[in-house]
Amino acid sequence: MNDTSNSATFDARQLRFWLATLSPGDLSVNEGAAAHPGSLMITSIGSPNDALWSQMERAGWAQQIAGDDLSIAGVASTYAFTELGAHAVTKALTELASWNAEVMALFKGFDAPEHVRQLSGVFSRLFLRTEAQLAIAKKTTPATEEGLVRQRDYVLALDEISKGVRMAGQYIIEALALGPDSDLGRVRVERSTAGLRYAEQCLTEWAAEMRTQQSDSSSPSS
C-alpha cells in the first residue's frame, strides 16, 4: 500500500505549488512543453518532473506515452501535455512569476551590484520553493503510522530550512543597507550565499528522499 494518500483532486493551486518546487532546468522543460501541447517530454523515472507529470496525468492534463525504445524502458518515462494541461501550466507559470516579483520587491530601492541582484533572485526562488514544498508536505495524508512519522520529520526539516532561507534574505537586505562593497556588507553577502547554497542542497535531498519513499511504498510487496 502507498503510505501517502492524496484524496484531494490535483488542481491549479497544487500545480502552482509543484511547479514552484522545480529547479530552473526542470521548470524550463515545462515552460517549453506548455508552448507546444502534444510535444514529447522524456524524464528519468522518479525525477521531480516524473512526479509532477504523473499527478497531472490523473487530472487529465498530461498523458503518458508508451515508448518503443526498450533501452529506456523502466529507466525513463515519456509524457505530453494535453491542451488543457498546457494552458494550466502557462497560467501557473505566469502566477509564479507574479509571486516572484512580489518577493523581489523587497529589494527595490537599493542600488545593488549584479552579483547581489542575482543572489536576490536565488533567494526569491528558494523562498517560493520552500514554502511550496511545505504546502505539499502538509497537504499529504499518510495512510500508515510509518508514513506519518516520515511526514512529520519532513515538515520539521522544511520548517528549519525555511528559517534559514528567510535569514539569508535578511542578510541580503542588511548587506544592501550597509553597502555590498563594505567589509560588513561583504560578510552578509557571503553568509547569504552559503546559506542559500546549503538550503538548496537540503531541499533537493529531502524532496528526493520523499519521492523514493513514496515510490517504494507503492511498489508491490514480494
N, C-alpha and C. Protein backbone atom coordinates (compact mmCIF):
# COMPACT_ATOMS: atom_id res chain seq x y z
N MET A 1 0.83 -1.20 0.00
CA MET A 1 0.00 0.00 0.00
C MET A 1 0.87 1.25 0.00
N ASN A 2 0.45 2.22 -0.79
CA ASN A 2 1.15 3.50 -0.78
C ASN A 2 0.84 4.21 0.53
N ASP A 3 1.84 4.61 1.29
CA ASP A 3 1.57 5.21 2.59
C ASP A 3 1.28 6.69 2.50
N THR A 4 1.11 7.21 1.29
CA THR A 4 0.66 8.59 1.14
C THR A 4 -0.61 8.58 0.33
N SER A 5 -1.65 9.08 0.91
CA SER A 5 -2.95 9.10 0.25
C SER A 5 -3.38 10.53 0.02
N ASN A 6 -3.40 10.96 -1.23
CA ASN A 6 -3.82 12.31 -1.57
C ASN A 6 -5.21 12.24 -2.20
N SER A 7 -6.22 12.38 -1.34
CA SER A 7 -7.58 12.24 -1.82
C SER A 7 -8.05 13.46 -2.60
N ALA A 8 -7.46 14.62 -2.30
CA ALA A 8 -7.88 15.84 -2.98
C ALA A 8 -7.46 15.80 -4.44
N THR A 9 -8.33 16.33 -5.30
CA THR A 9 -8.04 16.37 -6.72
C THR A 9 -6.88 17.32 -6.99
N PHE A 10 -6.00 16.90 -7.88
CA PHE A 10 -4.88 17.75 -8.27
C PHE A 10 -5.45 18.91 -9.06
N ASP A 11 -5.29 20.12 -8.54
CA ASP A 11 -5.91 21.29 -9.15
C ASP A 11 -4.88 22.37 -9.46
N ALA A 12 -5.36 23.53 -9.90
CA ALA A 12 -4.47 24.61 -10.31
C ALA A 12 -3.60 25.09 -9.15
N ARG A 13 -4.15 25.11 -7.95
CA ARG A 13 -3.37 25.55 -6.79
C ARG A 13 -2.21 24.60 -6.52
N GLN A 14 -2.49 23.30 -6.57
CA GLN A 14 -1.43 22.32 -6.36
C GLN A 14 -0.41 22.36 -7.49
N LEU A 15 -0.87 22.61 -8.70
CA LEU A 15 0.05 22.71 -9.83
C LEU A 15 1.06 23.83 -9.60
N ARG A 16 0.58 24.97 -9.10
CA ARG A 16 1.49 26.09 -8.81
C ARG A 16 2.53 25.67 -7.77
N PHE A 17 2.07 24.99 -6.72
CA PHE A 17 3.00 24.55 -5.69
C PHE A 17 4.05 23.59 -6.26
N TRP A 18 3.60 22.61 -7.05
CA TRP A 18 4.54 21.63 -7.60
C TRP A 18 5.55 22.29 -8.54
N LEU A 19 5.08 23.20 -9.37
CA LEU A 19 5.99 23.89 -10.29
C LEU A 19 7.01 24.72 -9.51
N ALA A 20 6.59 25.30 -8.40
CA ALA A 20 7.49 26.14 -7.60
C ALA A 20 8.61 25.33 -6.97
N THR A 21 8.43 24.01 -6.84
CA THR A 21 9.47 23.18 -6.23
C THR A 21 10.56 22.77 -7.22
N LEU A 22 10.34 23.04 -8.51
CA LEU A 22 11.27 22.56 -9.53
C LEU A 22 12.51 23.45 -9.64
N SER A 23 13.59 22.83 -10.10
CA SER A 23 14.81 23.59 -10.40
C SER A 23 14.57 24.41 -11.66
N PRO A 24 15.39 25.43 -11.91
CA PRO A 24 15.21 26.23 -13.13
C PRO A 24 15.23 25.38 -14.40
N GLY A 25 16.10 24.35 -14.43
CA GLY A 25 16.18 23.50 -15.61
C GLY A 25 14.90 22.71 -15.83
N ASP A 26 14.37 22.10 -14.76
CA ASP A 26 13.12 21.33 -14.88
C ASP A 26 11.96 22.26 -15.23
N LEU A 27 11.99 23.45 -14.67
CA LEU A 27 10.91 24.40 -14.93
C LEU A 27 10.90 24.82 -16.40
N SER A 28 12.09 24.97 -16.98
CA SER A 28 12.16 25.38 -18.39
C SER A 28 11.60 24.31 -19.31
N VAL A 29 11.74 23.04 -18.92
CA VAL A 29 11.17 21.95 -19.72
C VAL A 29 9.65 22.08 -19.77
N ASN A 30 9.05 22.36 -18.63
CA ASN A 30 7.60 22.52 -18.58
C ASN A 30 7.15 23.76 -19.35
N GLU A 31 7.92 24.83 -19.25
CA GLU A 31 7.58 26.05 -19.97
C GLU A 31 7.62 25.82 -21.48
N GLY A 32 8.66 25.13 -21.94
CA GLY A 32 8.77 24.86 -23.38
C GLY A 32 7.69 23.94 -23.87
N ALA A 33 7.38 22.90 -23.08
CA ALA A 33 6.35 21.94 -23.49
C ALA A 33 4.97 22.57 -23.49
N ALA A 34 4.72 23.50 -22.56
CA ALA A 34 3.41 24.16 -22.50
C ALA A 34 3.18 25.02 -23.73
N ALA A 35 4.26 25.48 -24.33
CA ALA A 35 4.13 26.30 -25.54
C ALA A 35 3.83 25.45 -26.77
N HIS A 36 4.03 24.12 -26.64
CA HIS A 36 3.79 23.21 -27.77
C HIS A 36 3.05 21.97 -27.26
N PRO A 37 1.75 22.09 -26.98
CA PRO A 37 0.98 20.95 -26.47
C PRO A 37 1.12 19.73 -27.37
N GLY A 38 1.29 18.58 -26.75
CA GLY A 38 1.43 17.35 -27.51
C GLY A 38 2.86 16.96 -27.77
N SER A 39 3.80 17.89 -27.57
CA SER A 39 5.21 17.56 -27.78
C SER A 39 5.67 16.60 -26.69
N LEU A 40 6.57 15.69 -27.03
CA LEU A 40 7.00 14.66 -26.09
C LEU A 40 8.02 15.20 -25.10
N MET A 41 7.88 14.76 -23.85
CA MET A 41 8.79 15.13 -22.78
C MET A 41 9.30 13.85 -22.13
N ILE A 42 10.61 13.70 -22.08
CA ILE A 42 11.20 12.49 -21.51
C ILE A 42 11.96 12.85 -20.25
N THR A 43 11.76 12.06 -19.21
CA THR A 43 12.45 12.30 -17.94
C THR A 43 12.72 10.96 -17.27
N SER A 44 13.69 10.94 -16.40
CA SER A 44 14.01 9.70 -15.69
C SER A 44 12.92 9.38 -14.69
N ILE A 45 12.65 8.11 -14.50
CA ILE A 45 11.62 7.68 -13.55
C ILE A 45 12.05 8.07 -12.14
N GLY A 46 11.13 8.67 -11.39
CA GLY A 46 11.44 9.10 -10.04
C GLY A 46 11.95 10.52 -9.94
N SER A 47 12.11 11.19 -11.09
CA SER A 47 12.60 12.57 -11.10
C SER A 47 11.48 13.53 -10.66
N PRO A 48 11.83 14.78 -10.35
CA PRO A 48 10.79 15.76 -9.99
C PRO A 48 9.73 15.92 -11.08
N ASN A 49 10.16 15.99 -12.34
CA ASN A 49 9.18 16.13 -13.42
C ASN A 49 8.32 14.88 -13.56
N ASP A 50 8.89 13.71 -13.36
CA ASP A 50 8.12 12.48 -13.43
C ASP A 50 7.03 12.49 -12.36
N ALA A 51 7.38 12.94 -11.16
CA ALA A 51 6.40 13.01 -10.07
C ALA A 51 5.29 14.01 -10.41
N LEU A 52 5.68 15.16 -10.97
CA LEU A 52 4.69 16.18 -11.34
C LEU A 52 3.78 15.67 -12.45
N TRP A 53 4.37 15.14 -13.52
CA TRP A 53 3.56 14.74 -14.67
C TRP A 53 2.63 13.58 -14.35
N SER A 54 3.03 12.71 -13.44
CA SER A 54 2.13 11.62 -13.06
C SER A 54 0.91 12.18 -12.32
N GLN A 55 1.13 13.24 -11.53
CA GLN A 55 0.00 13.91 -10.89
C GLN A 55 -0.88 14.59 -11.93
N MET A 56 -0.26 15.23 -12.90
CA MET A 56 -1.02 15.92 -13.93
C MET A 56 -1.81 14.94 -14.79
N GLU A 57 -1.28 13.74 -14.97
CA GLU A 57 -1.99 12.72 -15.75
C GLU A 57 -3.32 12.37 -15.09
N ARG A 58 -3.32 12.28 -13.77
CA ARG A 58 -4.55 11.96 -13.05
C ARG A 58 -5.60 13.06 -13.21
N ALA A 59 -5.13 14.28 -13.45
CA ALA A 59 -6.05 15.41 -13.63
C ALA A 59 -6.46 15.58 -15.09
N GLY A 60 -5.92 14.75 -15.99
CA GLY A 60 -6.24 14.89 -17.40
C GLY A 60 -5.44 15.97 -18.09
N TRP A 61 -4.36 16.43 -17.45
CA TRP A 61 -3.53 17.49 -18.00
C TRP A 61 -2.29 16.98 -18.70
N ALA A 62 -2.01 15.71 -18.58
CA ALA A 62 -0.85 15.10 -19.25
C ALA A 62 -1.20 13.66 -19.60
N GLN A 63 -0.50 13.14 -20.59
CA GLN A 63 -0.69 11.74 -21.00
C GLN A 63 0.66 11.06 -21.01
N GLN A 64 0.73 9.88 -20.42
CA GLN A 64 1.97 9.11 -20.51
C GLN A 64 1.98 8.37 -21.84
N ILE A 65 3.09 8.46 -22.53
CA ILE A 65 3.21 7.88 -23.86
C ILE A 65 4.05 6.61 -23.79
N ALA A 66 3.50 5.53 -24.33
CA ALA A 66 4.25 4.27 -24.37
C ALA A 66 5.33 4.37 -25.44
N GLY A 67 6.58 4.12 -25.04
CA GLY A 67 7.69 4.24 -25.98
C GLY A 67 8.06 2.91 -26.62
N ASP A 68 8.68 3.00 -27.79
CA ASP A 68 9.13 1.79 -28.50
C ASP A 68 10.58 1.46 -28.19
N ASP A 69 11.27 2.38 -27.55
CA ASP A 69 12.69 2.19 -27.25
C ASP A 69 12.84 1.36 -25.98
N LEU A 70 13.16 0.08 -26.13
CA LEU A 70 13.29 -0.81 -24.98
C LEU A 70 14.47 -0.45 -24.10
N SER A 71 15.43 0.30 -24.64
CA SER A 71 16.62 0.64 -23.87
C SER A 71 16.31 1.59 -22.72
N ILE A 72 15.17 2.32 -22.82
CA ILE A 72 14.84 3.26 -21.75
C ILE A 72 13.66 2.77 -20.91
N ALA A 73 13.13 1.60 -21.27
CA ALA A 73 12.01 1.05 -20.50
C ALA A 73 12.45 0.80 -19.06
N GLY A 74 11.66 1.27 -18.12
CA GLY A 74 11.98 1.11 -16.71
C GLY A 74 13.00 2.12 -16.21
N VAL A 75 13.52 2.95 -17.10
CA VAL A 75 14.52 3.96 -16.72
C VAL A 75 13.97 5.37 -16.92
N ALA A 76 13.27 5.56 -18.00
CA ALA A 76 12.73 6.87 -18.33
C ALA A 76 11.25 6.75 -18.68
N SER A 77 10.53 7.83 -18.53
CA SER A 77 9.12 7.88 -18.89
C SER A 77 8.89 9.06 -19.83
N THR A 78 7.89 8.91 -20.68
CA THR A 78 7.58 9.93 -21.68
C THR A 78 6.15 10.43 -21.50
N TYR A 79 6.00 11.73 -21.50
CA TYR A 79 4.68 12.35 -21.33
C TYR A 79 4.48 13.42 -22.39
N ALA A 80 3.22 13.85 -22.49
CA ALA A 80 2.88 15.00 -23.33
C ALA A 80 1.74 15.74 -22.64
N PHE A 81 1.79 17.07 -22.69
CA PHE A 81 0.70 17.86 -22.12
C PHE A 81 -0.50 17.83 -23.05
N THR A 82 -1.68 17.75 -22.47
CA THR A 82 -2.89 17.96 -23.25
C THR A 82 -3.06 19.47 -23.44
N GLU A 83 -4.02 19.86 -24.27
CA GLU A 83 -4.28 21.29 -24.47
C GLU A 83 -4.64 21.96 -23.15
N LEU A 84 -5.50 21.28 -22.38
CA LEU A 84 -5.89 21.83 -21.08
C LEU A 84 -4.69 21.92 -20.14
N GLY A 85 -3.83 20.90 -20.18
CA GLY A 85 -2.66 20.89 -19.32
C GLY A 85 -1.69 21.99 -19.67
N ALA A 86 -1.48 22.19 -20.97
CA ALA A 86 -0.57 23.25 -21.42
C ALA A 86 -1.08 24.62 -20.97
N HIS A 87 -2.40 24.81 -21.08
CA HIS A 87 -2.99 26.08 -20.65
C HIS A 87 -2.81 26.26 -19.15
N ALA A 88 -3.03 25.18 -18.37
CA ALA A 88 -2.91 25.25 -16.92
C ALA A 88 -1.47 25.58 -16.50
N VAL A 89 -0.50 24.97 -17.19
CA VAL A 89 0.90 25.22 -16.86
C VAL A 89 1.28 26.66 -17.20
N THR A 90 0.85 27.13 -18.36
CA THR A 90 1.16 28.50 -18.77
C THR A 90 0.59 29.50 -17.76
N LYS A 91 -0.63 29.27 -17.33
CA LYS A 91 -1.26 30.16 -16.35
C LYS A 91 -0.53 30.10 -15.01
N ALA A 92 -0.17 28.88 -14.59
CA ALA A 92 0.52 28.71 -13.31
C ALA A 92 1.89 29.39 -13.33
N LEU A 93 2.60 29.28 -14.43
CA LEU A 93 3.91 29.91 -14.54
C LEU A 93 3.80 31.43 -14.48
N THR A 94 2.74 31.97 -15.08
CA THR A 94 2.51 33.41 -15.02
C THR A 94 2.26 33.85 -13.59
N GLU A 95 1.49 33.07 -12.85
CA GLU A 95 1.20 33.40 -11.46
C GLU A 95 2.45 33.27 -10.59
N LEU A 96 3.28 32.27 -10.88
CA LEU A 96 4.54 32.13 -10.14
C LEU A 96 5.45 33.32 -10.40
N ALA A 97 5.47 33.80 -11.63
CA ALA A 97 6.29 34.97 -11.96
C ALA A 97 5.81 36.18 -11.18
N SER A 98 4.49 36.28 -10.99
CA SER A 98 3.93 37.38 -10.22
C SER A 98 4.32 37.27 -8.75
N TRP A 99 4.27 36.06 -8.20
CA TRP A 99 4.69 35.85 -6.82
C TRP A 99 6.16 36.21 -6.66
N ASN A 100 6.96 35.79 -7.63
CA ASN A 100 8.39 36.06 -7.57
C ASN A 100 8.66 37.57 -7.59
N ALA A 101 7.89 38.27 -8.40
CA ALA A 101 8.05 39.73 -8.48
C ALA A 101 7.71 40.38 -7.14
N GLU A 102 6.72 39.84 -6.43
CA GLU A 102 6.36 40.38 -5.12
C GLU A 102 7.49 40.20 -4.12
N VAL A 103 8.13 39.02 -4.17
CA VAL A 103 9.25 38.77 -3.26
C VAL A 103 10.42 39.69 -3.61
N MET A 104 10.70 39.81 -4.90
CA MET A 104 11.81 40.64 -5.35
C MET A 104 11.59 42.11 -5.01
N ALA A 105 10.33 42.52 -4.82
CA ALA A 105 10.03 43.91 -4.49
C ALA A 105 10.65 44.31 -3.16
N LEU A 106 10.98 43.31 -2.32
CA LEU A 106 11.64 43.60 -1.05
C LEU A 106 12.97 44.32 -1.25
N PHE A 107 13.60 44.06 -2.39
CA PHE A 107 14.94 44.60 -2.61
C PHE A 107 14.95 45.83 -3.49
N LYS A 108 13.77 46.31 -3.88
CA LYS A 108 13.71 47.51 -4.72
C LYS A 108 14.12 48.73 -3.89
N GLY A 109 14.68 49.70 -4.56
CA GLY A 109 15.09 50.92 -3.89
C GLY A 109 16.55 50.91 -3.49
N PHE A 110 17.21 49.73 -3.66
CA PHE A 110 18.64 49.65 -3.36
C PHE A 110 19.43 49.61 -4.66
N ASP A 111 20.54 50.29 -4.67
CA ASP A 111 21.44 50.26 -5.83
C ASP A 111 22.38 49.08 -5.64
N ALA A 112 22.00 47.93 -6.17
CA ALA A 112 22.75 46.71 -5.92
C ALA A 112 23.59 46.30 -7.12
N PRO A 113 24.82 45.83 -6.90
CA PRO A 113 25.63 45.31 -8.00
C PRO A 113 25.02 44.02 -8.55
N GLU A 114 25.47 43.61 -9.71
CA GLU A 114 24.88 42.47 -10.40
C GLU A 114 24.89 41.19 -9.56
N HIS A 115 26.00 40.91 -8.88
CA HIS A 115 26.06 39.65 -8.14
C HIS A 115 25.07 39.62 -6.98
N VAL A 116 24.76 40.78 -6.42
CA VAL A 116 23.77 40.83 -5.34
C VAL A 116 22.36 40.71 -5.92
N ARG A 117 22.12 41.28 -7.09
CA ARG A 117 20.82 41.11 -7.73
C ARG A 117 20.57 39.65 -8.06
N GLN A 118 21.61 38.97 -8.53
CA GLN A 118 21.47 37.54 -8.82
C GLN A 118 21.20 36.75 -7.54
N LEU A 119 21.88 37.13 -6.47
CA LEU A 119 21.67 36.46 -5.18
C LEU A 119 20.24 36.68 -4.70
N SER A 120 19.72 37.87 -4.92
CA SER A 120 18.33 38.16 -4.55
C SER A 120 17.37 37.26 -5.33
N GLY A 121 17.69 37.02 -6.60
CA GLY A 121 16.86 36.13 -7.41
C GLY A 121 16.89 34.70 -6.89
N VAL A 122 18.06 34.25 -6.45
CA VAL A 122 18.17 32.91 -5.87
C VAL A 122 17.34 32.82 -4.60
N PHE A 123 17.42 33.85 -3.76
CA PHE A 123 16.61 33.87 -2.55
C PHE A 123 15.12 33.78 -2.88
N SER A 124 14.67 34.58 -3.84
CA SER A 124 13.26 34.58 -4.21
C SER A 124 12.81 33.19 -4.65
N ARG A 125 13.62 32.55 -5.50
CA ARG A 125 13.26 31.22 -6.00
C ARG A 125 13.20 30.19 -4.87
N LEU A 126 14.20 30.22 -3.97
CA LEU A 126 14.24 29.24 -2.90
C LEU A 126 13.18 29.51 -1.84
N PHE A 127 12.84 30.78 -1.63
CA PHE A 127 11.77 31.10 -0.70
C PHE A 127 10.46 30.48 -1.18
N LEU A 128 10.14 30.67 -2.46
CA LEU A 128 8.92 30.10 -3.01
C LEU A 128 8.98 28.57 -3.02
N ARG A 129 10.14 28.03 -3.33
CA ARG A 129 10.28 26.58 -3.38
C ARG A 129 10.06 25.96 -2.00
N THR A 130 10.65 26.56 -0.98
CA THR A 130 10.50 26.03 0.38
C THR A 130 9.05 26.08 0.82
N GLU A 131 8.40 27.21 0.61
CA GLU A 131 7.00 27.34 1.03
C GLU A 131 6.11 26.37 0.25
N ALA A 132 6.43 26.14 -1.03
CA ALA A 132 5.63 25.22 -1.84
C ALA A 132 5.81 23.79 -1.36
N GLN A 133 7.06 23.39 -1.07
CA GLN A 133 7.29 22.04 -0.59
C GLN A 133 6.62 21.82 0.77
N LEU A 134 6.60 22.85 1.59
CA LEU A 134 5.90 22.75 2.88
C LEU A 134 4.40 22.56 2.67
N ALA A 135 3.83 23.32 1.75
CA ALA A 135 2.40 23.22 1.49
C ALA A 135 2.04 21.82 0.99
N ILE A 136 2.86 21.26 0.10
CA ILE A 136 2.61 19.92 -0.42
C ILE A 136 2.74 18.89 0.69
N ALA A 137 3.79 19.01 1.52
CA ALA A 137 4.01 18.04 2.59
C ALA A 137 2.87 18.06 3.60
N LYS A 138 2.39 19.25 3.94
CA LYS A 138 1.31 19.35 4.93
C LYS A 138 -0.02 18.86 4.37
N LYS A 139 -0.19 18.93 3.06
CA LYS A 139 -1.44 18.50 2.42
C LYS A 139 -1.51 16.98 2.31
N THR A 140 -0.35 16.33 2.27
CA THR A 140 -0.31 14.88 2.14
C THR A 140 -0.89 14.22 3.38
N THR A 141 -1.68 13.15 3.19
CA THR A 141 -2.27 12.42 4.31
C THR A 141 -1.78 10.98 4.28
N PRO A 142 -0.69 10.68 4.99
CA PRO A 142 -0.16 9.31 5.01
C PRO A 142 -1.19 8.31 5.53
N ALA A 143 -1.12 7.10 4.99
CA ALA A 143 -2.08 6.06 5.37
C ALA A 143 -1.54 5.11 6.42
N THR A 144 -0.27 5.26 6.81
CA THR A 144 0.32 4.37 7.80
C THR A 144 1.01 5.20 8.88
N GLU A 145 1.27 4.56 10.01
CA GLU A 145 1.96 5.24 11.10
C GLU A 145 3.37 5.61 10.68
N GLU A 146 4.02 4.70 9.95
CA GLU A 146 5.38 4.99 9.48
C GLU A 146 5.37 6.21 8.55
N GLY A 147 4.35 6.29 7.71
CA GLY A 147 4.25 7.43 6.82
C GLY A 147 4.03 8.73 7.57
N LEU A 148 3.25 8.67 8.65
CA LEU A 148 3.01 9.86 9.46
C LEU A 148 4.30 10.35 10.11
N VAL A 149 5.13 9.41 10.57
CA VAL A 149 6.41 9.78 11.18
C VAL A 149 7.31 10.45 10.15
N ARG A 150 7.38 9.87 8.95
CA ARG A 150 8.22 10.45 7.90
C ARG A 150 7.72 11.84 7.51
N GLN A 151 6.39 11.98 7.41
CA GLN A 151 5.83 13.28 7.06
C GLN A 151 6.17 14.32 8.12
N ARG A 152 6.07 13.94 9.39
CA ARG A 152 6.39 14.87 10.47
C ARG A 152 7.85 15.30 10.40
N ASP A 153 8.74 14.34 10.15
CA ASP A 153 10.16 14.67 10.03
C ASP A 153 10.40 15.61 8.85
N TYR A 154 9.70 15.36 7.76
CA TYR A 154 9.86 16.16 6.55
C TYR A 154 9.41 17.60 6.80
N VAL A 155 8.25 17.75 7.45
CA VAL A 155 7.71 19.08 7.73
C VAL A 155 8.63 19.84 8.69
N LEU A 156 9.14 19.16 9.72
CA LEU A 156 10.05 19.80 10.66
C LEU A 156 11.33 20.26 9.96
N ALA A 157 11.85 19.41 9.06
CA ALA A 157 13.06 19.77 8.33
C ALA A 157 12.81 20.98 7.43
N LEU A 158 11.67 20.99 6.76
CA LEU A 158 11.35 22.12 5.88
C LEU A 158 11.14 23.40 6.67
N ASP A 159 10.59 23.28 7.87
CA ASP A 159 10.44 24.46 8.72
C ASP A 159 11.80 25.07 9.04
N GLU A 160 12.78 24.21 9.34
CA GLU A 160 14.13 24.71 9.64
C GLU A 160 14.78 25.32 8.41
N ILE A 161 14.59 24.67 7.26
CA ILE A 161 15.14 25.22 6.01
C ILE A 161 14.52 26.58 5.72
N SER A 162 13.21 26.68 5.95
CA SER A 162 12.51 27.95 5.72
C SER A 162 13.10 29.07 6.57
N LYS A 163 13.42 28.75 7.82
CA LYS A 163 14.04 29.76 8.68
C LYS A 163 15.40 30.19 8.13
N GLY A 164 16.16 29.21 7.62
CA GLY A 164 17.46 29.52 7.05
C GLY A 164 17.36 30.39 5.81
N VAL A 165 16.38 30.10 4.95
CA VAL A 165 16.19 30.89 3.74
C VAL A 165 15.79 32.32 4.09
N ARG A 166 14.89 32.46 5.06
CA ARG A 166 14.47 33.79 5.47
C ARG A 166 15.64 34.59 6.06
N MET A 167 16.49 33.90 6.81
CA MET A 167 17.66 34.57 7.38
C MET A 167 18.60 35.04 6.27
N ALA A 168 18.75 34.21 5.23
CA ALA A 168 19.59 34.59 4.10
C ALA A 168 19.04 35.84 3.43
N GLY A 169 17.71 35.94 3.34
CA GLY A 169 17.10 37.13 2.78
C GLY A 169 17.37 38.35 3.64
N GLN A 170 17.35 38.15 4.96
CA GLN A 170 17.65 39.25 5.86
C GLN A 170 19.09 39.72 5.69
N TYR A 171 19.99 38.76 5.49
CA TYR A 171 21.40 39.13 5.28
C TYR A 171 21.56 39.96 4.01
N ILE A 172 20.80 39.64 2.96
CA ILE A 172 20.89 40.41 1.72
C ILE A 172 20.44 41.84 1.96
N ILE A 173 19.34 42.00 2.67
CA ILE A 173 18.84 43.35 2.96
C ILE A 173 19.85 44.13 3.80
N GLU A 174 20.45 43.46 4.79
CA GLU A 174 21.45 44.12 5.62
C GLU A 174 22.67 44.53 4.79
N ALA A 175 23.06 43.64 3.87
CA ALA A 175 24.20 43.95 3.00
C ALA A 175 23.92 45.17 2.15
N LEU A 176 22.70 45.26 1.64
CA LEU A 176 22.33 46.41 0.81
C LEU A 176 22.30 47.69 1.64
N ALA A 177 21.83 47.57 2.89
CA ALA A 177 21.77 48.75 3.76
C ALA A 177 23.17 49.21 4.17
N LEU A 178 24.06 48.25 4.41
CA LEU A 178 25.42 48.58 4.85
C LEU A 178 26.33 48.98 3.68
N GLY A 179 25.91 48.51 2.48
CA GLY A 179 26.76 48.71 1.30
C GLY A 179 27.41 47.38 0.95
N PRO A 180 27.04 46.76 -0.17
CA PRO A 180 27.57 45.44 -0.53
C PRO A 180 29.09 45.38 -0.63
N ASP A 181 29.73 46.51 -0.89
CA ASP A 181 31.19 46.53 -1.05
C ASP A 181 31.92 46.88 0.25
N SER A 182 31.16 47.16 1.30
CA SER A 182 31.80 47.40 2.59
C SER A 182 32.20 46.07 3.22
N ASP A 183 33.06 46.12 4.21
CA ASP A 183 33.50 44.88 4.85
C ASP A 183 32.32 44.13 5.46
N LEU A 184 31.48 44.84 6.19
CA LEU A 184 30.32 44.20 6.80
C LEU A 184 29.32 43.72 5.74
N GLY A 185 29.18 44.49 4.68
CA GLY A 185 28.28 44.10 3.59
C GLY A 185 28.74 42.83 2.91
N ARG A 186 30.05 42.73 2.67
CA ARG A 186 30.58 41.52 2.03
C ARG A 186 30.38 40.29 2.91
N VAL A 187 30.52 40.47 4.22
CA VAL A 187 30.30 39.35 5.15
C VAL A 187 28.85 38.87 5.05
N ARG A 188 27.90 39.83 4.99
CA ARG A 188 26.49 39.45 4.89
C ARG A 188 26.21 38.72 3.57
N VAL A 189 26.82 39.19 2.50
CA VAL A 189 26.62 38.54 1.20
C VAL A 189 27.18 37.12 1.22
N GLU A 190 28.35 36.95 1.81
CA GLU A 190 28.95 35.61 1.90
C GLU A 190 28.09 34.67 2.73
N ARG A 191 27.56 35.17 3.84
CA ARG A 191 26.70 34.33 4.68
C ARG A 191 25.42 33.94 3.94
N SER A 192 24.85 34.89 3.23
CA SER A 192 23.63 34.62 2.47
C SER A 192 23.90 33.60 1.37
N THR A 193 25.01 33.77 0.67
CA THR A 193 25.36 32.84 -0.41
C THR A 193 25.53 31.43 0.12
N ALA A 194 26.27 31.28 1.22
CA ALA A 194 26.49 29.96 1.80
C ALA A 194 25.18 29.36 2.32
N GLY A 195 24.36 30.19 2.95
CA GLY A 195 23.10 29.70 3.50
C GLY A 195 22.14 29.23 2.42
N LEU A 196 22.04 29.98 1.34
CA LEU A 196 21.14 29.60 0.25
C LEU A 196 21.64 28.36 -0.48
N ARG A 197 22.96 28.26 -0.63
CA ARG A 197 23.51 27.06 -1.27
C ARG A 197 23.18 25.81 -0.44
N TYR A 198 23.34 25.93 0.87
CA TYR A 198 23.05 24.80 1.75
C TYR A 198 21.56 24.48 1.76
N ALA A 199 20.73 25.52 1.75
CA ALA A 199 19.28 25.31 1.75
C ALA A 199 18.84 24.58 0.49
N GLU A 200 19.40 24.96 -0.66
CA GLU A 200 19.01 24.29 -1.90
C GLU A 200 19.42 22.83 -1.88
N GLN A 201 20.60 22.55 -1.36
CA GLN A 201 21.06 21.17 -1.25
C GLN A 201 20.11 20.37 -0.37
N CYS A 202 19.72 20.94 0.77
CA CYS A 202 18.81 20.25 1.69
C CYS A 202 17.44 20.03 1.06
N LEU A 203 16.92 21.03 0.37
CA LEU A 203 15.62 20.91 -0.28
C LEU A 203 15.63 19.78 -1.31
N THR A 204 16.70 19.73 -2.09
CA THR A 204 16.82 18.69 -3.12
C THR A 204 16.91 17.31 -2.50
N GLU A 205 17.71 17.18 -1.44
CA GLU A 205 17.88 15.88 -0.80
C GLU A 205 16.60 15.40 -0.14
N TRP A 206 15.90 16.28 0.56
CA TRP A 206 14.66 15.89 1.22
C TRP A 206 13.58 15.53 0.21
N ALA A 207 13.48 16.30 -0.87
CA ALA A 207 12.48 16.01 -1.89
C ALA A 207 12.76 14.66 -2.55
N ALA A 208 14.04 14.37 -2.82
CA ALA A 208 14.40 13.09 -3.43
C ALA A 208 14.08 11.94 -2.49
N GLU A 209 14.34 12.12 -1.20
CA GLU A 209 14.07 11.07 -0.22
C GLU A 209 12.57 10.78 -0.13
N MET A 210 11.78 11.83 -0.13
CA MET A 210 10.33 11.63 -0.06
C MET A 210 9.80 10.93 -1.31
N ARG A 211 10.33 11.29 -2.48
CA ARG A 211 9.88 10.62 -3.70
C ARG A 211 10.27 9.15 -3.67
N THR A 212 11.47 8.84 -3.18
CA THR A 212 11.92 7.45 -3.09
C THR A 212 11.04 6.66 -2.15
N GLN A 213 10.73 7.23 -1.00
CA GLN A 213 9.90 6.54 -0.02
C GLN A 213 8.50 6.29 -0.56
N GLN A 214 7.96 7.28 -1.26
CA GLN A 214 6.63 7.13 -1.84
C GLN A 214 6.63 6.06 -2.92
N SER A 215 7.71 6.03 -3.72
CA SER A 215 7.82 5.04 -4.78
C SER A 215 7.95 3.64 -4.20
N ASP A 216 8.78 3.51 -3.15
CA ASP A 216 8.96 2.20 -2.52
C ASP A 216 7.67 1.69 -1.89
N SER A 217 6.94 2.61 -1.26
CA SER A 217 5.73 2.21 -0.57
C SER A 217 4.62 1.81 -1.52
N SER A 218 4.70 2.31 -2.78
CA SER A 218 3.66 1.98 -3.76
C SER A 218 4.00 0.74 -4.57
N SER A 219 5.22 0.20 -4.40
CA SER A 219 5.64 -0.99 -5.12
C SER A 219 5.03 -2.22 -4.47
N PRO A 220 4.60 -3.22 -5.25
CA PRO A 220 4.00 -4.42 -4.67
C PRO A 220 5.02 -5.17 -3.84
N SER A 221 4.57 -5.62 -2.68
CA SER A 221 5.47 -6.38 -1.80
C SER A 221 5.66 -7.78 -2.31
N SER A 222 6.85 -8.35 -2.06
CA SER A 222 7.12 -9.68 -2.57
C SER A 222 6.64 -10.72 -1.59
